Amino acid sequence: MAISNTFIKDPNSTLDYGFDWSQWLDSGEVIAGYIITTGCGITNVYSTSTTAGSVIVWLSDGTAGNRYSVACKITTSGSRIDERTIKIDVRDR
């Protein structure tokens, strides 16, 4: 997973982006559920949770020159809730 929370994407690409909680989760704790929220104009094609403490989201679309926020809110097996947001800058490449 990248350290940055801002990524560049072409409007015609479909790419995967990760939200990594592996260092935050307690020992034995897993992601029990998650909700992905995207800004209008960018599409969540598919998302999945991993056993390694991450959520991966595949994004498509977007208009060149726009910045989109994509949030991932998780609930853990320990009943903790956290939310993280990444930014997607759409540019013709």
N, C-alpha and C. Protein backbone atom coordinates (compact mmCIF):
# COMPACT_ATOMS: atom_id res chain seq x y z
N MET A 1 0.83 -1.18 0.00
CA MET A 1 0.00 0.00 0.00
C MET A 1 0.88 1.25 0.00
N ALA A 2 0.43 2.25 -0.67
CA ALA A 2 1.18 3.50 -0.71
C ALA A 2 0.98 4.28 0.57
N ILE A 3 1.99 5.11 0.90
CA ILE A 3 1.91 5.94 2.09
C ILE A 3 1.06 7.17 1.84
N SER A 4 1.10 7.70 0.63
CA SER A 4 0.33 8.89 0.28
C SER A 4 -1.16 8.60 0.33
N ASN A 5 -1.95 9.66 0.52
CA ASN A 5 -3.39 9.46 0.45
C ASN A 5 -3.98 10.18 -0.76
N THR A 6 -3.13 10.66 -1.69
CA THR A 6 -3.58 11.28 -2.93
C THR A 6 -2.97 10.52 -4.10
N PHE A 7 -3.82 10.16 -5.06
CA PHE A 7 -3.41 9.35 -6.20
C PHE A 7 -3.85 10.01 -7.49
N ILE A 8 -3.12 9.73 -8.59
CA ILE A 8 -3.48 10.24 -9.91
C ILE A 8 -4.04 9.08 -10.72
N LYS A 9 -5.15 9.35 -11.43
CA LYS A 9 -5.83 8.34 -12.22
C LYS A 9 -6.29 8.94 -13.54
N ASP A 10 -6.15 8.21 -14.63
CA ASP A 10 -6.68 8.63 -15.92
C ASP A 10 -8.19 8.38 -15.93
N PRO A 11 -8.98 9.23 -16.59
CA PRO A 11 -10.44 9.03 -16.59
C PRO A 11 -10.87 7.71 -17.24
N ASN A 12 -10.02 7.13 -18.10
CA ASN A 12 -10.37 5.88 -18.78
C ASN A 12 -9.81 4.64 -18.11
N SER A 13 -9.14 4.81 -16.98
CA SER A 13 -8.55 3.65 -16.31
C SER A 13 -9.47 3.11 -15.21
N THR A 14 -9.30 1.85 -14.91
CA THR A 14 -9.93 1.21 -13.75
C THR A 14 -8.79 0.64 -12.94
N LEU A 15 -8.59 1.19 -11.74
CA LEU A 15 -7.43 0.83 -10.92
C LEU A 15 -7.83 0.51 -9.49
N ASP A 16 -6.96 -0.23 -8.81
CA ASP A 16 -7.20 -0.61 -7.42
C ASP A 16 -6.45 0.31 -6.47
N TYR A 17 -7.10 0.64 -5.35
CA TYR A 17 -6.53 1.50 -4.31
C TYR A 17 -6.79 0.84 -2.97
N GLY A 18 -5.84 0.96 -2.06
CA GLY A 18 -5.96 0.26 -0.79
C GLY A 18 -6.09 1.17 0.41
N PHE A 19 -6.85 0.70 1.38
CA PHE A 19 -6.96 1.30 2.70
C PHE A 19 -6.39 0.27 3.67
N ASP A 20 -5.29 0.62 4.33
CA ASP A 20 -4.56 -0.35 5.13
C ASP A 20 -4.69 -0.06 6.63
N TRP A 21 -5.30 -0.98 7.36
CA TRP A 21 -5.44 -0.88 8.81
C TRP A 21 -4.56 -1.91 9.54
N SER A 22 -3.69 -2.60 8.84
CA SER A 22 -2.95 -3.71 9.43
C SER A 22 -2.14 -3.31 10.67
N GLN A 23 -1.56 -2.12 10.67
CA GLN A 23 -0.78 -1.67 11.83
C GLN A 23 -1.66 -1.15 12.96
N TRP A 24 -2.91 -0.84 12.67
CA TRP A 24 -3.85 -0.26 13.63
C TRP A 24 -4.64 -1.33 14.38
N LEU A 25 -4.93 -2.45 13.72
CA LEU A 25 -5.74 -3.50 14.32
C LEU A 25 -5.02 -4.17 15.48
N ASP A 26 -5.79 -4.53 16.52
CA ASP A 26 -5.22 -5.29 17.63
C ASP A 26 -4.93 -6.72 17.17
N SER A 27 -4.09 -7.41 17.89
CA SER A 27 -3.75 -8.79 17.58
C SER A 27 -5.02 -9.64 17.55
N GLY A 28 -5.24 -10.35 16.45
CA GLY A 28 -6.42 -11.21 16.31
C GLY A 28 -7.66 -10.49 15.82
N GLU A 29 -7.63 -9.17 15.77
CA GLU A 29 -8.79 -8.38 15.33
C GLU A 29 -8.81 -8.34 13.79
N VAL A 30 -9.99 -8.41 13.21
CA VAL A 30 -10.14 -8.37 11.75
C VAL A 30 -11.20 -7.34 11.37
N ILE A 31 -11.22 -7.00 10.11
CA ILE A 31 -12.26 -6.11 9.59
C ILE A 31 -13.53 -6.95 9.40
N ALA A 32 -14.57 -6.62 10.15
CA ALA A 32 -15.81 -7.37 10.10
C ALA A 32 -16.76 -6.84 9.04
N GLY A 33 -16.65 -5.57 8.71
CA GLY A 33 -17.51 -4.96 7.70
C GLY A 33 -16.93 -3.63 7.26
N TYR A 34 -17.34 -3.17 6.10
CA TYR A 34 -16.85 -1.88 5.60
C TYR A 34 -17.86 -1.26 4.65
N ILE A 35 -17.79 0.06 4.51
CA ILE A 35 -18.63 0.81 3.58
C ILE A 35 -17.71 1.74 2.81
N ILE A 36 -17.80 1.70 1.48
CA ILE A 36 -17.05 2.61 0.60
C ILE A 36 -18.00 3.70 0.15
N THR A 37 -17.55 4.96 0.28
CA THR A 37 -18.32 6.11 -0.19
C THR A 37 -17.47 6.87 -1.19
N THR A 38 -18.01 7.08 -2.40
CA THR A 38 -17.28 7.80 -3.44
C THR A 38 -17.97 9.11 -3.75
N GLY A 39 -17.18 10.07 -4.24
CA GLY A 39 -17.75 11.32 -4.72
C GLY A 39 -18.50 11.10 -6.02
N CYS A 40 -19.47 11.93 -6.28
CA CYS A 40 -20.26 11.84 -7.51
C CYS A 40 -19.33 12.00 -8.71
N GLY A 41 -19.38 11.05 -9.66
CA GLY A 41 -18.58 11.14 -10.87
C GLY A 41 -17.48 10.10 -10.97
N ILE A 42 -17.15 9.47 -9.85
CA ILE A 42 -16.18 8.37 -9.85
C ILE A 42 -16.91 7.13 -9.37
N THR A 43 -16.58 5.98 -9.93
CA THR A 43 -17.38 4.77 -9.70
C THR A 43 -16.59 3.71 -8.94
N ASN A 44 -17.20 3.17 -7.90
CA ASN A 44 -16.68 2.00 -7.19
C ASN A 44 -17.13 0.78 -7.97
N VAL A 45 -16.21 0.19 -8.71
CA VAL A 45 -16.52 -0.98 -9.54
C VAL A 45 -16.64 -2.22 -8.68
N TYR A 46 -15.73 -2.35 -7.71
CA TYR A 46 -15.65 -3.56 -6.89
C TYR A 46 -14.81 -3.24 -5.67
N SER A 47 -15.14 -3.83 -4.55
CA SER A 47 -14.30 -3.68 -3.36
C SER A 47 -14.29 -4.98 -2.58
N THR A 48 -13.21 -5.20 -1.84
CA THR A 48 -13.07 -6.42 -1.07
C THR A 48 -12.22 -6.17 0.17
N SER A 49 -12.48 -6.92 1.21
CA SER A 49 -11.68 -6.87 2.43
C SER A 49 -10.69 -8.03 2.39
N THR A 50 -9.50 -7.80 2.96
CA THR A 50 -8.49 -8.85 2.98
C THR A 50 -8.26 -9.33 4.41
N THR A 51 -7.73 -10.51 4.54
CA THR A 51 -7.41 -11.03 5.87
C THR A 51 -6.21 -10.31 6.47
N ALA A 52 -5.48 -9.57 5.64
CA ALA A 52 -4.29 -8.84 6.12
C ALA A 52 -4.64 -7.48 6.71
N GLY A 53 -5.93 -7.17 6.86
CA GLY A 53 -6.33 -5.91 7.48
C GLY A 53 -6.46 -4.75 6.52
N SER A 54 -6.76 -5.03 5.27
CA SER A 54 -6.91 -3.98 4.26
C SER A 54 -8.25 -4.10 3.55
N VAL A 55 -8.66 -2.99 2.96
CA VAL A 55 -9.80 -2.99 2.05
C VAL A 55 -9.28 -2.44 0.73
N ILE A 56 -9.57 -3.16 -0.36
CA ILE A 56 -9.16 -2.76 -1.70
C ILE A 56 -10.40 -2.34 -2.47
N VAL A 57 -10.33 -1.18 -3.12
CA VAL A 57 -11.44 -0.68 -3.93
C VAL A 57 -10.94 -0.45 -5.35
N TRP A 58 -11.72 -0.89 -6.33
CA TRP A 58 -11.42 -0.67 -7.74
C TRP A 58 -12.28 0.48 -8.22
N LEU A 59 -11.63 1.54 -8.75
CA LEU A 59 -12.33 2.75 -9.17
C LEU A 59 -12.20 2.97 -10.67
N SER A 60 -13.29 3.45 -11.28
CA SER A 60 -13.27 3.82 -12.69
C SER A 60 -13.93 5.18 -12.85
N ASP A 61 -13.86 5.70 -14.06
CA ASP A 61 -14.49 6.95 -14.44
C ASP A 61 -13.79 8.16 -13.83
N GLY A 62 -14.49 9.25 -13.71
CA GLY A 62 -13.95 10.52 -13.25
C GLY A 62 -13.71 11.44 -14.43
N THR A 63 -13.74 12.72 -14.18
CA THR A 63 -13.53 13.74 -15.20
C THR A 63 -12.16 14.38 -15.01
N ALA A 64 -11.39 14.45 -16.10
CA ALA A 64 -10.05 15.05 -16.03
C ALA A 64 -10.14 16.46 -15.44
N GLY A 65 -9.23 16.74 -14.51
CA GLY A 65 -9.19 18.04 -13.86
C GLY A 65 -9.92 18.08 -12.53
N ASN A 66 -10.64 17.02 -12.20
CA ASN A 66 -11.38 16.97 -10.94
C ASN A 66 -10.66 16.13 -9.89
N ARG A 67 -10.92 16.47 -8.64
CA ARG A 67 -10.41 15.69 -7.51
C ARG A 67 -11.62 15.07 -6.81
N TYR A 68 -11.50 13.78 -6.50
CA TYR A 68 -12.58 13.04 -5.85
C TYR A 68 -12.12 12.49 -4.51
N SER A 69 -13.02 12.46 -3.56
CA SER A 69 -12.75 11.83 -2.27
C SER A 69 -13.40 10.47 -2.26
N VAL A 70 -12.67 9.50 -1.73
CA VAL A 70 -13.19 8.15 -1.56
C VAL A 70 -12.92 7.75 -0.12
N ALA A 71 -13.99 7.44 0.61
CA ALA A 71 -13.87 7.10 2.03
C ALA A 71 -14.16 5.62 2.25
N CYS A 72 -13.48 5.06 3.22
CA CYS A 72 -13.72 3.68 3.64
C CYS A 72 -13.92 3.68 5.15
N LYS A 73 -15.09 3.25 5.57
CA LYS A 73 -15.43 3.16 6.99
C LYS A 73 -15.53 1.69 7.36
N ILE A 74 -14.74 1.29 8.37
CA ILE A 74 -14.74 -0.12 8.77
C ILE A 74 -15.32 -0.29 10.17
N THR A 75 -15.80 -1.48 10.42
CA THR A 75 -16.13 -1.95 11.76
C THR A 75 -15.30 -3.21 11.97
N THR A 76 -14.66 -3.32 13.13
CA THR A 76 -13.78 -4.45 13.39
C THR A 76 -14.50 -5.52 14.23
N SER A 77 -13.86 -6.67 14.31
CA SER A 77 -14.40 -7.75 15.15
C SER A 77 -14.40 -7.35 16.63
N GLY A 78 -13.64 -6.33 16.97
CA GLY A 78 -13.60 -5.80 18.33
C GLY A 78 -14.56 -4.64 18.53
N SER A 79 -15.47 -4.42 17.57
CA SER A 79 -16.49 -3.36 17.61
C SER A 79 -15.92 -1.95 17.52
N ARG A 80 -14.69 -1.82 17.04
CA ARG A 80 -14.13 -0.48 16.80
C ARG A 80 -14.53 -0.02 15.41
N ILE A 81 -14.70 1.29 15.26
CA ILE A 81 -15.08 1.89 13.98
C ILE A 81 -14.05 2.94 13.63
N ASP A 82 -13.61 2.94 12.35
CA ASP A 82 -12.67 3.95 11.88
C ASP A 82 -13.00 4.25 10.43
N GLU A 83 -12.63 5.47 10.01
CA GLU A 83 -12.85 5.87 8.62
C GLU A 83 -11.61 6.57 8.11
N ARG A 84 -11.24 6.26 6.86
CA ARG A 84 -10.11 6.90 6.21
C ARG A 84 -10.53 7.34 4.82
N THR A 85 -9.91 8.42 4.34
CA THR A 85 -10.27 8.99 3.05
C THR A 85 -9.03 9.16 2.19
N ILE A 86 -9.15 8.81 0.91
CA ILE A 86 -8.11 9.09 -0.06
C ILE A 86 -8.66 10.08 -1.07
N LYS A 87 -7.75 10.75 -1.77
CA LYS A 87 -8.11 11.69 -2.83
C LYS A 87 -7.62 11.12 -4.16
N ILE A 88 -8.48 11.24 -5.16
CA ILE A 88 -8.13 10.78 -6.51
C ILE A 88 -8.14 12.00 -7.42
N ASP A 89 -6.97 12.37 -7.93
CA ASP A 89 -6.87 13.44 -8.92
C ASP A 89 -6.95 12.80 -10.30
N VAL A 90 -7.97 13.17 -11.08
CA VAL A 90 -8.15 12.58 -12.41
C VAL A 90 -7.49 13.51 -13.43
N ARG A 91 -6.56 12.91 -14.20
CA ARG A 91 -5.82 13.64 -15.22
C ARG A 91 -5.64 12.77 -16.45
N ASP A 92 -5.72 13.38 -17.62
CA ASP A 92 -5.40 12.64 -18.85
C ASP A 92 -3.92 12.30 -18.82
N ARG A 93 -3.61 11.03 -19.09
CA ARG A 93 -2.20 10.63 -19.11
C ARG A 93 -1.83 10.09 -20.46
